[in-house]
């Protein structure tokens, strides 16, 4: 799903009620808890609202994330995890 009409150069309005923003294509860091582990995936293509920061993923991107989580390849790097308590 592409939220940008390349021919017209228009973008989709934000889906958050009352937000006047528009989605822009960006690369984000996606963090998800999967089977009790925190998994961070960097450089994920997304549509991000330029006002409120709402993030939308295309169906293809979601399928790719699900594939990564299903196969859980060796991570490129590890980071410390601290609990806020």
C-alpha atoms as a PDB file:
ATOM      1  CA  UNK A   1       0.000   0.000   0.000  1.00  0.00           C
ATOM      2  CA  UNK A   2       1.506   3.304  -1.010  1.00  0.00           C
ATOM      3  CA  UNK A   3       0.013   6.406   0.571  1.00  0.00           C
ATOM      4  CA  UNK A   4       1.580   8.771  -1.932  1.00  0.00           C
ATOM      5  CA  UNK A   5       0.120   9.468  -5.371  1.00  0.00           C
ATOM      6  CA  UNK A   6       3.348   9.837  -7.361  1.00  0.00           C
ATOM      7  CA  UNK A   7       1.600  11.417 -10.349  1.00  0.00           C
ATOM      8  CA  UNK A   8      -0.092  14.125  -8.319  1.00  0.00           C
ATOM      9  CA  UNK A   9       2.527  14.396  -5.564  1.00  0.00           C
ATOM     10  CA  UNK A  10      -0.214  14.281  -2.918  1.00  0.00           C
ATOM     11  CA  UNK A  11      -0.074  12.422   0.367  1.00  0.00           C
ATOM     12  CA  UNK A  12      -2.695  10.799   2.537  1.00  0.00           C
ATOM     13  CA  UNK A  13      -4.163  12.801   5.412  1.00  0.00           C
ATOM     14  CA  UNK A  14      -3.442  11.539   8.919  1.00  0.00           C
ATOM     15  CA  UNK A  15      -5.946   8.947  10.155  1.00  0.00           C
ATOM     16  CA  UNK A  16      -5.871  10.239  13.751  1.00  0.00           C
ATOM     17  CA  UNK A  17      -9.049  12.205  14.411  1.00  0.00           C
ATOM     18  CA  UNK A  18      -8.398  15.938  14.566  1.00  0.00           C
ATOM     19  CA  UNK A  19      -4.808  15.732  13.356  1.00  0.00           C
ATOM     20  CA  UNK A  20      -4.150  18.050  10.385  1.00  0.00           C
ATOM     21  CA  UNK A  21      -0.992  16.196   9.342  1.00  0.00           C
ATOM     22  CA  UNK A  22      -0.063  14.206   6.255  1.00  0.00           C
ATOM     23  CA  UNK A  23       1.933  11.002   5.929  1.00  0.00           C
ATOM     24  CA  UNK A  24       5.498  11.109   4.631  1.00  0.00           C
ATOM     25  CA  UNK A  25       7.638   8.119   3.639  1.00  0.00           C
ATOM     26  CA  UNK A  26      10.408   7.577   6.204  1.00  0.00           C
ATOM     27  CA  UNK A  27      12.576   4.876   7.680  1.00  0.00           C
ATOM     28  CA  UNK A  28      11.794   4.014  11.317  1.00  0.00           C
ATOM     29  CA  UNK A  29      13.030   1.779  14.091  1.00  0.00           C
ATOM     30  CA  UNK A  30      10.272  -0.688  15.010  1.00  0.00           C
ATOM     31  CA  UNK A  31      10.236  -2.273  18.477  1.00  0.00           C
ATOM     32  CA  UNK A  32       7.992  -5.230  19.254  1.00  0.00           C
ATOM     33  CA  UNK A  33       7.704  -7.793  22.047  1.00  0.00           C
ATOM     34  CA  UNK A  34       7.688 -11.254  20.447  1.00  0.00           C
ATOM     35  CA  UNK A  35       7.424 -14.464  22.505  1.00  0.00           C
ATOM     36  CA  UNK A  36       8.576 -12.635  25.620  1.00  0.00           C
ATOM     37  CA  UNK A  37      11.576 -10.993  23.952  1.00  0.00           C
ATOM     38  CA  UNK A  38      12.038  -7.401  22.865  1.00  0.00           C
ATOM     39  CA  UNK A  39      12.950  -7.272  19.181  1.00  0.00           C
ATOM     40  CA  UNK A  40      14.153  -4.065  17.516  1.00  0.00           C
ATOM     41  CA  UNK A  41      14.129  -3.838  13.720  1.00  0.00           C
ATOM     42  CA  UNK A  42      15.933  -0.859  12.206  1.00  0.00           C
ATOM     43  CA  UNK A  43      15.399   0.887   8.854  1.00  0.00           C
ATOM     44  CA  UNK A  44      11.751  -0.173   8.413  1.00  0.00           C
ATOM     45  CA  UNK A  45       9.951   1.690   5.612  1.00  0.00           C
ATOM     46  CA  UNK A  46       6.849   3.458   6.903  1.00  0.00           C
ATOM     47  CA  UNK A  47       4.476   6.331   6.403  1.00  0.00           C
ATOM     48  CA  UNK A  48       4.837   8.791   9.315  1.00  0.00           C
ATOM     49  CA  UNK A  49       2.518  11.720  10.083  1.00  0.00           C
ATOM     50  CA  UNK A  50       4.420  14.990   9.908  1.00  0.00           C
ATOM     51  CA  UNK A  51       2.415  16.420  12.834  1.00  0.00           C
ATOM     52  CA  UNK A  52       1.595  13.699  15.385  1.00  0.00           C
ATOM     53  CA  UNK A  53       4.095  11.000  14.393  1.00  0.00           C
ATOM     54  CA  UNK A  54       1.504   8.258  13.749  1.00  0.00           C
ATOM     55  CA  UNK A  55       3.150   5.369  11.880  1.00  0.00           C
ATOM     56  CA  UNK A  56       1.600   3.191   9.173  1.00  0.00           C
ATOM     57  CA  UNK A  57       3.188   0.094   7.617  1.00  0.00           C
ATOM     58  CA  UNK A  58       2.250  -1.309   4.222  1.00  0.00           C
ATOM     59  CA  UNK A  59       0.966  -4.910   4.081  1.00  0.00           C
ATOM     60  CA  UNK A  60       4.242  -5.911   2.388  1.00  0.00           C
ATOM     61  CA  UNK A  61       6.264  -4.385   5.217  1.00  0.00           C
ATOM     62  CA  UNK A  62       4.145  -6.170   7.821  1.00  0.00           C
ATOM     63  CA  UNK A  63       4.655  -9.496   6.022  1.00  0.00           C
ATOM     64  CA  UNK A  64       8.407  -8.877   5.958  1.00  0.00           C
ATOM     65  CA  UNK A  65       8.447  -8.077   9.701  1.00  0.00           C
ATOM     66  CA  UNK A  66       6.459 -11.261  10.390  1.00  0.00           C
ATOM     67  CA  UNK A  67       8.984 -13.255   8.328  1.00  0.00           C
ATOM     68  CA  UNK A  68      11.874 -11.784  10.342  1.00  0.00           C
ATOM     69  CA  UNK A  69      10.109 -12.667  13.604  1.00  0.00           C
ATOM     70  CA  UNK A  70       9.277 -16.200  12.430  1.00  0.00           C
ATOM     71  CA  UNK A  71      12.869 -17.014  11.470  1.00  0.00           C
ATOM     72  CA  UNK A  72      14.629 -14.842  14.066  1.00  0.00           C
ATOM     73  CA  UNK A  73      18.025 -14.579  12.358  1.00  0.00           C
ATOM     74  CA  UNK A  74      21.076 -13.737  14.460  1.00  0.00           C
ATOM     75  CA  UNK A  75      20.806 -10.031  15.361  1.00  0.00           C
ATOM     76  CA  UNK A  76      23.227  -7.553  13.824  1.00  0.00           C
ATOM     77  CA  UNK A  77      23.931  -6.143  17.268  1.00  0.00           C
ATOM     78  CA  UNK A  78      22.633  -6.361  20.838  1.00  0.00           C
ATOM     79  CA  UNK A  79      21.806  -3.615  23.305  1.00  0.00           C
ATOM     80  CA  UNK A  80      21.257  -3.531  27.080  1.00  0.00           C
ATOM     81  CA  UNK A  81      17.638  -3.525  28.221  1.00  0.00           C
ATOM     82  CA  UNK A  82      16.707  -1.648  31.370  1.00  0.00           C
ATOM     83  CA  UNK A  83      13.389  -1.994  33.168  1.00  0.00           C
ATOM     84  CA  UNK A  84      11.652   1.129  34.423  1.00  0.00           C
ATOM     85  CA  UNK A  85      10.720   0.145  37.958  1.00  0.00           C
END
